[in-house]
N, C-alpha and C. Protein backbone atom coordinates (compact mmCIF):
# COMPACT_ATOMS: atom_id res chain seq x y z
N MET A 1 104.62 166.03 70.81
CA MET A 1 105.02 164.65 70.56
C MET A 1 106.16 164.30 71.49
N GLY A 2 105.89 163.77 72.63
CA GLY A 2 106.93 163.48 73.61
C GLY A 2 107.61 162.15 73.36
N ARG A 3 108.40 161.75 74.34
CA ARG A 3 109.15 160.50 74.24
C ARG A 3 108.24 159.28 74.12
N PRO A 4 107.06 159.22 74.79
CA PRO A 4 106.21 158.04 74.59
C PRO A 4 105.80 157.86 73.13
N PHE A 5 105.47 158.97 72.45
CA PHE A 5 105.12 158.88 71.03
C PHE A 5 106.31 158.35 70.22
N LEU A 6 107.48 158.88 70.51
CA LEU A 6 108.68 158.46 69.80
C LEU A 6 108.97 156.98 70.03
N ARG A 7 108.89 156.54 71.27
CA ARG A 7 109.15 155.12 71.57
C ARG A 7 108.11 154.23 70.91
N ASN A 8 106.82 154.65 70.95
CA ASN A 8 105.78 153.85 70.30
C ASN A 8 106.00 153.78 68.80
N THR A 9 106.38 154.89 68.19
CA THR A 9 106.65 154.91 66.76
C THR A 9 107.83 154.01 66.43
N PHE A 10 108.93 154.14 67.18
CA PHE A 10 110.09 153.28 66.95
C PHE A 10 109.72 151.81 67.15
N SER A 11 108.95 151.51 68.19
CA SER A 11 108.55 150.12 68.45
C SER A 11 107.74 149.57 67.29
N PHE A 12 106.79 150.36 66.79
CA PHE A 12 105.98 149.93 65.66
C PHE A 12 106.84 149.67 64.43
N LEU A 13 107.77 150.60 64.13
CA LEU A 13 108.65 150.43 62.97
C LEU A 13 109.54 149.21 63.13
N LEU A 14 110.06 148.98 64.34
CA LEU A 14 110.92 147.84 64.58
C LEU A 14 110.16 146.53 64.39
N VAL A 15 108.97 146.43 65.01
CA VAL A 15 108.17 145.21 64.89
C VAL A 15 107.77 144.99 63.43
N SER A 16 107.39 146.06 62.74
CA SER A 16 107.02 145.95 61.32
C SER A 16 108.19 145.45 60.48
N SER A 17 109.38 145.92 60.78
CA SER A 17 110.55 145.49 60.00
C SER A 17 110.96 144.06 60.34
N LEU A 18 110.62 143.59 61.53
CA LEU A 18 110.98 142.23 61.93
C LEU A 18 110.02 141.17 61.41
N LEU A 19 108.77 141.52 61.14
CA LEU A 19 107.77 140.52 60.77
C LEU A 19 108.17 139.65 59.57
N PRO A 20 108.73 140.21 58.49
CA PRO A 20 109.13 139.32 57.39
C PRO A 20 110.17 138.29 57.81
N PHE A 21 111.09 138.66 58.70
CA PHE A 21 112.12 137.73 59.15
C PHE A 21 111.55 136.68 60.09
N ILE A 22 110.71 137.12 61.03
CA ILE A 22 110.14 136.21 62.02
C ILE A 22 109.23 135.19 61.35
N SER A 23 108.56 135.59 60.28
CA SER A 23 107.63 134.68 59.62
C SER A 23 108.33 133.71 58.67
N SER A 24 109.64 133.81 58.52
CA SER A 24 110.34 132.88 57.63
C SER A 24 110.31 131.48 58.23
N THR A 25 110.42 130.47 57.38
CA THR A 25 110.25 129.10 57.84
C THR A 25 111.49 128.53 58.52
N SER A 26 112.66 129.06 58.27
CA SER A 26 113.88 128.52 58.86
C SER A 26 114.45 129.50 59.89
N TYR A 27 114.55 129.04 61.14
CA TYR A 27 115.10 129.87 62.21
C TYR A 27 116.52 129.46 62.58
N ALA A 28 117.11 128.50 61.87
CA ALA A 28 118.37 127.89 62.29
C ALA A 28 119.49 128.91 62.50
N ALA A 29 119.61 129.89 61.64
CA ALA A 29 120.72 130.82 61.77
C ALA A 29 120.27 132.20 62.24
N ASN A 30 119.02 132.34 62.61
CA ASN A 30 118.52 133.63 63.08
C ASN A 30 118.83 133.80 64.55
N TYR A 31 118.87 135.05 65.01
CA TYR A 31 119.23 135.30 66.40
C TYR A 31 118.63 136.61 66.88
N VAL A 32 118.62 136.74 68.19
CA VAL A 32 118.29 138.00 68.84
C VAL A 32 119.48 138.33 69.73
N GLU A 33 119.85 139.62 69.77
CA GLU A 33 121.05 140.02 70.50
C GLU A 33 120.77 141.29 71.28
N GLY A 34 121.31 141.35 72.48
CA GLY A 34 121.22 142.55 73.31
C GLY A 34 122.61 143.00 73.69
N SER A 35 122.77 144.30 73.93
CA SER A 35 124.08 144.80 74.32
C SER A 35 123.95 146.05 75.17
N PHE A 36 125.03 146.33 75.86
CA PHE A 36 125.13 147.53 76.69
C PHE A 36 126.55 148.05 76.54
N GLY A 37 126.71 149.36 76.50
CA GLY A 37 128.06 149.88 76.30
C GLY A 37 128.23 151.30 76.78
N ILE A 38 129.28 151.92 76.29
CA ILE A 38 129.56 153.33 76.56
C ILE A 38 129.93 153.99 75.24
N ALA A 39 129.42 155.21 75.04
CA ALA A 39 129.64 155.93 73.78
C ALA A 39 130.20 157.32 74.07
N TRP A 40 131.09 157.75 73.20
CA TRP A 40 131.68 159.09 73.28
C TRP A 40 131.25 159.86 72.05
N LEU A 41 130.76 161.08 72.25
CA LEU A 41 130.32 161.92 71.14
C LEU A 41 131.37 162.97 70.82
N ALA A 42 131.50 163.28 69.55
CA ALA A 42 132.32 164.39 69.08
C ALA A 42 131.46 165.20 68.13
N SER A 43 131.50 166.52 68.27
CA SER A 43 130.63 167.36 67.46
C SER A 43 131.18 168.78 67.38
N ASP A 44 130.80 169.48 66.32
CA ASP A 44 131.11 170.91 66.22
C ASP A 44 130.22 171.70 67.18
N ASN A 45 129.10 171.10 67.60
CA ASN A 45 128.19 171.71 68.57
C ASN A 45 128.78 171.49 69.96
N SER A 46 129.12 172.56 70.66
CA SER A 46 129.78 172.44 71.96
C SER A 46 128.90 171.74 73.00
N GLU A 47 127.57 171.78 72.82
CA GLU A 47 126.68 171.10 73.77
C GLU A 47 126.82 169.58 73.66
N LEU A 48 127.09 169.07 72.47
CA LEU A 48 127.23 167.63 72.26
C LEU A 48 128.67 167.15 72.40
N ASP A 49 129.62 168.00 72.06
CA ASP A 49 131.01 167.59 72.03
C ASP A 49 131.47 167.08 73.40
N SER A 50 132.17 165.98 73.39
CA SER A 50 132.73 165.34 74.59
C SER A 50 131.66 164.82 75.54
N ASN A 51 130.43 164.70 75.09
CA ASN A 51 129.38 164.12 75.92
C ASN A 51 129.50 162.59 75.83
N THR A 52 129.23 161.90 76.91
CA THR A 52 129.21 160.44 76.91
C THR A 52 127.82 159.99 77.31
N TYR A 53 127.46 158.80 76.87
CA TYR A 53 126.19 158.22 77.29
C TYR A 53 126.31 156.70 77.25
N ALA A 54 125.34 156.04 77.88
CA ALA A 54 125.35 154.58 77.97
C ALA A 54 124.25 154.02 77.06
N PRO A 55 124.63 153.51 75.88
CA PRO A 55 123.62 152.96 74.98
C PRO A 55 123.32 151.50 75.30
N TYR A 56 122.09 151.11 75.02
CA TYR A 56 121.68 149.70 75.07
C TYR A 56 120.99 149.41 73.75
N ARG A 57 121.16 148.19 73.26
CA ARG A 57 120.58 147.81 71.96
C ARG A 57 119.92 146.46 72.07
N ILE A 58 118.93 146.27 71.22
CA ILE A 58 118.37 144.94 70.99
C ILE A 58 118.07 144.85 69.50
N HIS A 59 118.50 143.75 68.90
CA HIS A 59 118.23 143.59 67.48
C HIS A 59 118.03 142.13 67.11
N TYR A 60 117.46 141.95 65.93
CA TYR A 60 117.18 140.63 65.37
C TYR A 60 118.07 140.45 64.15
N GLY A 61 118.71 139.29 64.04
CA GLY A 61 119.56 138.99 62.89
C GLY A 61 118.98 137.86 62.07
N HIS A 62 119.03 138.01 60.77
CA HIS A 62 118.49 137.02 59.83
C HIS A 62 119.56 136.67 58.81
N GLN A 63 119.85 135.38 58.66
CA GLN A 63 120.88 134.94 57.72
C GLN A 63 120.38 135.11 56.29
N ILE A 64 121.20 135.79 55.46
CA ILE A 64 120.83 135.98 54.05
C ILE A 64 121.78 135.24 53.11
N SER A 65 122.92 134.80 53.61
CA SER A 65 123.84 133.94 52.85
C SER A 65 124.69 133.19 53.88
N HIS A 66 125.65 132.42 53.38
CA HIS A 66 126.47 131.60 54.29
C HIS A 66 127.15 132.43 55.38
N SER A 67 127.67 133.60 55.04
CA SER A 67 128.41 134.39 56.02
C SER A 67 127.86 135.81 56.21
N ARG A 68 126.67 136.08 55.69
CA ARG A 68 126.09 137.42 55.81
C ARG A 68 124.74 137.38 56.50
N PHE A 69 124.52 138.41 57.31
CA PHE A 69 123.28 138.54 58.06
C PHE A 69 122.74 139.95 57.91
N LEU A 70 121.44 140.08 58.02
CA LEU A 70 120.79 141.39 58.04
C LEU A 70 120.26 141.60 59.44
N GLU A 71 120.64 142.70 60.08
CA GLU A 71 120.20 143.01 61.44
C GLU A 71 119.32 144.25 61.41
N THR A 72 118.28 144.22 62.21
CA THR A 72 117.44 145.39 62.40
C THR A 72 117.16 145.51 63.89
N GLY A 73 117.20 146.74 64.40
CA GLY A 73 117.05 146.86 65.84
C GLY A 73 116.80 148.27 66.34
N TYR A 74 116.83 148.37 67.66
CA TYR A 74 116.57 149.62 68.39
C TYR A 74 117.75 149.89 69.33
N LEU A 75 118.16 151.16 69.39
CA LEU A 75 119.17 151.61 70.34
C LEU A 75 118.55 152.72 71.18
N GLY A 76 118.74 152.62 72.48
CA GLY A 76 118.35 153.69 73.40
C GLY A 76 119.57 154.07 74.20
N GLY A 77 119.62 155.29 74.68
CA GLY A 77 120.78 155.70 75.46
C GLY A 77 120.48 156.91 76.30
N ASP A 78 121.23 157.05 77.39
CA ASP A 78 121.03 158.15 78.33
C ASP A 78 122.35 158.37 79.05
N ASN A 79 122.60 159.62 79.45
CA ASN A 79 123.78 159.84 80.29
C ASN A 79 123.39 159.87 81.76
N TYR A 80 122.16 159.47 82.06
CA TYR A 80 121.68 159.23 83.41
C TYR A 80 121.90 160.40 84.35
N GLU A 81 121.47 161.57 83.89
CA GLU A 81 121.44 162.78 84.72
C GLU A 81 122.79 163.09 85.35
N ASP A 82 123.86 162.86 84.64
CA ASP A 82 125.20 163.22 85.12
C ASP A 82 125.24 164.72 85.33
N GLU A 83 125.42 165.15 86.57
CA GLU A 83 125.36 166.58 86.92
C GLU A 83 126.44 167.40 86.23
N SER A 84 127.55 166.76 85.85
CA SER A 84 128.63 167.52 85.22
C SER A 84 128.41 167.72 83.72
N LYS A 85 127.35 167.10 83.17
CA LYS A 85 127.10 167.20 81.74
C LYS A 85 125.64 167.57 81.49
N ASP A 86 125.36 168.05 80.28
CA ASP A 86 123.98 168.28 79.87
C ASP A 86 123.27 166.93 79.79
N ASP A 87 121.95 166.92 80.04
CA ASP A 87 121.18 165.68 80.03
C ASP A 87 120.90 165.26 78.58
N LEU A 88 121.41 164.11 78.18
CA LEU A 88 121.27 163.61 76.81
C LEU A 88 120.49 162.31 76.82
N GLU A 89 119.49 162.21 75.95
CA GLU A 89 118.76 160.96 75.73
C GLU A 89 118.74 160.70 74.23
N MET A 90 119.02 159.45 73.84
CA MET A 90 119.16 159.09 72.42
C MET A 90 118.25 157.90 72.12
N ASP A 91 117.58 157.93 70.97
CA ASP A 91 116.81 156.81 70.44
C ASP A 91 117.20 156.63 68.98
N MET A 92 117.24 155.36 68.54
CA MET A 92 117.60 155.09 67.15
C MET A 92 117.02 153.76 66.71
N ILE A 93 116.58 153.69 65.46
CA ILE A 93 116.30 152.40 64.82
C ILE A 93 117.33 152.25 63.71
N TYR A 94 117.73 151.02 63.43
CA TYR A 94 118.80 150.83 62.46
C TYR A 94 118.65 149.52 61.72
N ILE A 95 119.35 149.45 60.61
CA ILE A 95 119.47 148.23 59.83
C ILE A 95 120.94 148.11 59.43
N LYS A 96 121.48 146.88 59.54
CA LYS A 96 122.91 146.68 59.26
C LYS A 96 123.11 145.38 58.49
N LEU A 97 124.14 145.37 57.67
CA LEU A 97 124.59 144.17 56.99
C LEU A 97 125.84 143.69 57.73
N LYS A 98 125.83 142.43 58.14
CA LYS A 98 126.92 141.86 58.94
C LYS A 98 127.62 140.77 58.13
N HIS A 99 128.94 140.87 58.01
CA HIS A 99 129.75 139.82 57.40
C HIS A 99 130.47 139.09 58.53
N PHE A 100 130.25 137.79 58.63
CA PHE A 100 130.67 136.97 59.75
C PHE A 100 131.75 136.00 59.27
N TYR A 101 132.86 135.93 59.98
CA TYR A 101 133.93 134.98 59.66
C TYR A 101 134.19 134.11 60.88
N LYS A 102 133.87 132.82 60.76
CA LYS A 102 134.04 131.88 61.85
C LYS A 102 135.48 131.35 61.85
N ILE A 103 136.22 131.62 62.93
CA ILE A 103 137.60 131.17 63.05
C ILE A 103 137.63 129.67 63.34
N ASN A 104 136.81 129.23 64.29
CA ASN A 104 136.61 127.82 64.60
C ASN A 104 135.23 127.67 65.23
N ASP A 105 134.94 126.55 65.88
CA ASP A 105 133.61 126.34 66.45
C ASP A 105 133.28 127.29 67.58
N SER A 106 134.27 127.88 68.22
CA SER A 106 134.03 128.75 69.37
C SER A 106 134.23 130.24 69.09
N TYR A 107 135.11 130.59 68.17
CA TYR A 107 135.49 132.00 67.97
C TYR A 107 135.10 132.49 66.58
N ALA A 108 134.73 133.78 66.54
CA ALA A 108 134.40 134.41 65.26
C ALA A 108 134.69 135.90 65.33
N ILE A 109 134.94 136.49 64.17
CA ILE A 109 135.07 137.94 64.05
C ILE A 109 134.05 138.40 63.01
N TYR A 110 133.71 139.68 63.04
CA TYR A 110 132.73 140.18 62.08
C TYR A 110 132.92 141.67 61.84
N ALA A 111 132.32 142.12 60.75
CA ALA A 111 132.28 143.54 60.40
C ALA A 111 130.85 143.86 59.98
N LYS A 112 130.41 145.08 60.27
CA LYS A 112 129.05 145.51 59.92
C LYS A 112 129.11 146.88 59.26
N VAL A 113 128.16 147.12 58.38
CA VAL A 113 127.93 148.43 57.80
C VAL A 113 126.42 148.65 57.83
N GLY A 114 125.99 149.86 58.18
CA GLY A 114 124.57 150.07 58.29
C GLY A 114 124.17 151.53 58.30
N ALA A 115 122.87 151.73 58.49
CA ALA A 115 122.30 153.08 58.54
C ALA A 115 121.26 153.10 59.65
N GLY A 116 121.06 154.29 60.21
CA GLY A 116 120.09 154.43 61.29
C GLY A 116 119.40 155.77 61.26
N ALA A 117 118.19 155.78 61.79
CA ALA A 117 117.43 157.03 61.99
C ALA A 117 117.44 157.29 63.49
N TYR A 118 117.91 158.47 63.89
CA TYR A 118 118.07 158.77 65.31
C TYR A 118 117.25 160.00 65.71
N ARG A 119 117.06 160.12 67.02
CA ARG A 119 116.49 161.33 67.63
C ARG A 119 117.16 161.48 68.98
N TYR A 120 117.61 162.70 69.28
CA TYR A 120 118.15 162.94 70.60
C TYR A 120 117.49 164.16 71.22
N ASP A 121 117.39 164.12 72.55
CA ASP A 121 116.91 165.24 73.36
C ASP A 121 118.07 165.65 74.24
N LEU A 122 118.40 166.93 74.23
CA LEU A 122 119.50 167.45 75.02
C LEU A 122 118.98 168.59 75.88
N GLU A 123 118.98 168.38 77.21
CA GLU A 123 118.57 169.44 78.14
C GLU A 123 119.83 170.12 78.65
N ASN A 124 119.95 171.41 78.36
CA ASN A 124 121.13 172.18 78.71
C ASN A 124 121.09 172.63 80.17
N ASP A 125 122.21 173.19 80.63
CA ASP A 125 122.29 173.69 82.01
C ASP A 125 121.23 174.74 82.30
N ASP A 126 120.86 175.52 81.29
CA ASP A 126 119.85 176.56 81.49
C ASP A 126 118.43 176.02 81.34
N LYS A 127 118.29 174.69 81.29
CA LYS A 127 117.02 173.96 81.19
C LYS A 127 116.35 174.09 79.82
N SER A 128 117.03 174.68 78.84
CA SER A 128 116.48 174.68 77.48
C SER A 128 116.69 173.30 76.88
N ILE A 129 115.75 172.88 76.04
CA ILE A 129 115.79 171.54 75.47
C ILE A 129 115.97 171.64 73.96
N SER A 130 116.92 170.89 73.45
CA SER A 130 117.18 170.81 72.02
C SER A 130 116.82 169.41 71.57
N LYS A 131 115.90 169.30 70.60
CA LYS A 131 115.49 168.00 70.07
C LYS A 131 115.85 167.98 68.59
N LYS A 132 116.62 167.00 68.20
CA LYS A 132 117.06 166.87 66.81
C LYS A 132 116.89 165.43 66.36
N ASN A 133 116.65 165.25 65.06
CA ASN A 133 116.62 163.91 64.50
C ASN A 133 117.32 163.93 63.15
N GLY A 134 117.67 162.76 62.66
CA GLY A 134 118.36 162.68 61.39
C GLY A 134 118.75 161.26 61.06
N LEU A 135 119.61 161.13 60.07
CA LEU A 135 120.09 159.84 59.60
C LEU A 135 121.60 159.78 59.73
N GLY A 136 122.11 158.57 59.85
CA GLY A 136 123.55 158.40 59.95
C GLY A 136 123.98 157.05 59.42
N LEU A 137 125.28 156.89 59.26
CA LEU A 137 125.89 155.65 58.78
C LEU A 137 126.80 155.08 59.86
N SER A 138 126.89 153.75 59.91
CA SER A 138 127.74 153.13 60.93
C SER A 138 128.65 152.07 60.33
N LEU A 139 129.79 151.91 60.97
CA LEU A 139 130.75 150.84 60.69
C LEU A 139 131.10 150.20 62.02
N SER A 140 131.16 148.87 62.05
CA SER A 140 131.46 148.15 63.29
C SER A 140 132.39 146.99 63.01
N VAL A 141 133.16 146.62 64.03
CA VAL A 141 133.93 145.38 64.02
C VAL A 141 133.74 144.72 65.38
N GLY A 142 133.79 143.39 65.39
CA GLY A 142 133.56 142.71 66.65
C GLY A 142 134.16 141.33 66.71
N TYR A 143 134.07 140.77 67.91
CA TYR A 143 134.61 139.46 68.24
C TYR A 143 133.52 138.72 69.01
N GLU A 144 133.37 137.43 68.72
CA GLU A 144 132.32 136.65 69.36
C GLU A 144 132.86 135.30 69.84
N PHE A 145 132.39 134.88 71.01
CA PHE A 145 132.76 133.59 71.59
C PHE A 145 131.48 132.82 71.89
N THR A 146 131.39 131.58 71.42
CA THR A 146 130.21 130.74 71.64
C THR A 146 130.36 129.99 72.96
N LEU A 147 129.41 130.22 73.87
CA LEU A 147 129.40 129.53 75.16
C LEU A 147 128.73 128.17 75.05
N GLU A 148 127.58 128.15 74.42
CA GLU A 148 126.79 126.95 74.18
C GLU A 148 126.38 126.99 72.72
N ASN A 149 125.67 125.98 72.26
CA ASN A 149 125.22 125.98 70.87
C ASN A 149 124.33 127.18 70.55
N ASP A 150 123.55 127.62 71.51
CA ASP A 150 122.59 128.69 71.23
C ASP A 150 122.90 130.02 71.92
N ILE A 151 124.00 130.13 72.66
CA ILE A 151 124.34 131.38 73.35
C ILE A 151 125.79 131.76 73.05
N SER A 152 125.99 133.03 72.72
CA SER A 152 127.35 133.53 72.52
C SER A 152 127.46 134.93 73.12
N VAL A 153 128.69 135.33 73.42
CA VAL A 153 128.97 136.65 73.99
C VAL A 153 130.07 137.28 73.15
N GLY A 154 130.19 138.60 73.24
CA GLY A 154 131.23 139.25 72.46
C GLY A 154 131.39 140.72 72.79
N PHE A 155 132.33 141.33 72.08
CA PHE A 155 132.61 142.76 72.18
C PHE A 155 132.53 143.36 70.79
N GLU A 156 132.13 144.62 70.73
CA GLU A 156 132.01 145.29 69.44
C GLU A 156 132.40 146.76 69.57
N TYR A 157 133.11 147.25 68.57
CA TYR A 157 133.42 148.68 68.46
C TYR A 157 132.62 149.23 67.28
N GLU A 158 131.92 150.34 67.48
CA GLU A 158 131.10 150.93 66.41
C GLU A 158 131.40 152.42 66.27
N HIS A 159 131.49 152.86 65.03
CA HIS A 159 131.60 154.29 64.71
C HIS A 159 130.34 154.68 63.96
N PHE A 160 129.60 155.67 64.48
CA PHE A 160 128.37 156.16 63.87
C PHE A 160 128.58 157.62 63.49
N ASN A 161 128.32 157.96 62.23
CA ASN A 161 128.61 159.30 61.73
C ASN A 161 127.35 159.95 61.18
N THR A 162 127.06 161.18 61.63
CA THR A 162 125.92 161.95 61.14
C THR A 162 126.40 163.35 60.78
N ALA A 163 125.49 164.17 60.29
CA ALA A 163 125.83 165.56 60.00
C ALA A 163 126.03 166.36 61.28
N ARG A 164 125.41 165.94 62.41
CA ARG A 164 125.47 166.70 63.66
C ARG A 164 126.54 166.20 64.63
N PHE A 165 126.86 164.91 64.60
CA PHE A 165 127.81 164.36 65.57
C PHE A 165 128.42 163.08 65.04
N ARG A 166 129.49 162.66 65.71
CA ARG A 166 130.12 161.37 65.49
C ARG A 166 130.13 160.65 66.84
N SER A 167 129.89 159.36 66.81
CA SER A 167 129.83 158.58 68.04
C SER A 167 130.74 157.37 67.91
N ASN A 168 131.55 157.12 68.93
CA ASN A 168 132.37 155.92 69.03
C ASN A 168 131.89 155.14 70.23
N THR A 169 131.54 153.88 70.01
CA THR A 169 130.89 153.08 71.05
C THR A 169 131.61 151.74 71.22
N VAL A 170 131.75 151.31 72.46
CA VAL A 170 132.22 149.97 72.79
C VAL A 170 131.07 149.27 73.49
N ASN A 171 130.68 148.09 72.96
CA ASN A 171 129.55 147.33 73.49
C ASN A 171 129.97 145.94 73.92
N GLY A 172 129.32 145.43 74.95
CA GLY A 172 129.37 144.02 75.31
C GLY A 172 128.06 143.40 74.84
N ASN A 173 128.12 142.25 74.15
CA ASN A 173 126.94 141.65 73.53
C ASN A 173 126.64 140.27 74.11
N VAL A 174 125.36 139.94 74.15
CA VAL A 174 124.89 138.58 74.45
C VAL A 174 123.90 138.21 73.36
N LYS A 175 124.12 137.05 72.74
CA LYS A 175 123.30 136.64 71.60
C LYS A 175 122.66 135.28 71.87
N TYR A 176 121.38 135.16 71.49
CA TYR A 176 120.67 133.88 71.55
C TYR A 176 120.36 133.45 70.12
N HIS A 177 120.86 132.27 69.73
CA HIS A 177 120.63 131.72 68.39
C HIS A 177 119.40 130.83 68.44
N PHE A 178 118.47 131.01 67.51
CA PHE A 178 117.31 130.13 67.43
C PHE A 178 117.75 128.81 66.82
N MET A 179 117.46 127.73 67.50
CA MET A 179 117.84 126.40 67.01
C MET A 179 116.63 125.56 66.76
């Protein structure tokens, strides 16, 4: 079961989880968001400890109350064959609850709590490959600035904790609001 199987499975699960939201009749507060960042890993496993990678995310947000949203999405990441480190590739699907506080028409802050199912492949210096999967919990805080009525940008800090590793990530986000 290689990476294509994993990506196809994650894609199927992501699309399946999005269908109830996409089929809703009101799109006014729904959005799609993409991000790119840098993540630092900490682990008791010396192969993972101090490893960095570049994650990218795409997710869909659905308003469930005045200031709360439910997000579901996909995260992929790679350390892009950095010769000084073991080769790490990460895949994850996640769901998060977002509490949004609008400061004014242009600025907002938010906090998120969520859970994710991950899988990573780690190719060591001796070319042995370690493949692990599991579940984890995340906490995030962020800042958002609205450029136009339907486009906003922002920054987010996320801490993801699992039994195998902890990840601290800084992301830059671009969001499109359905109007």
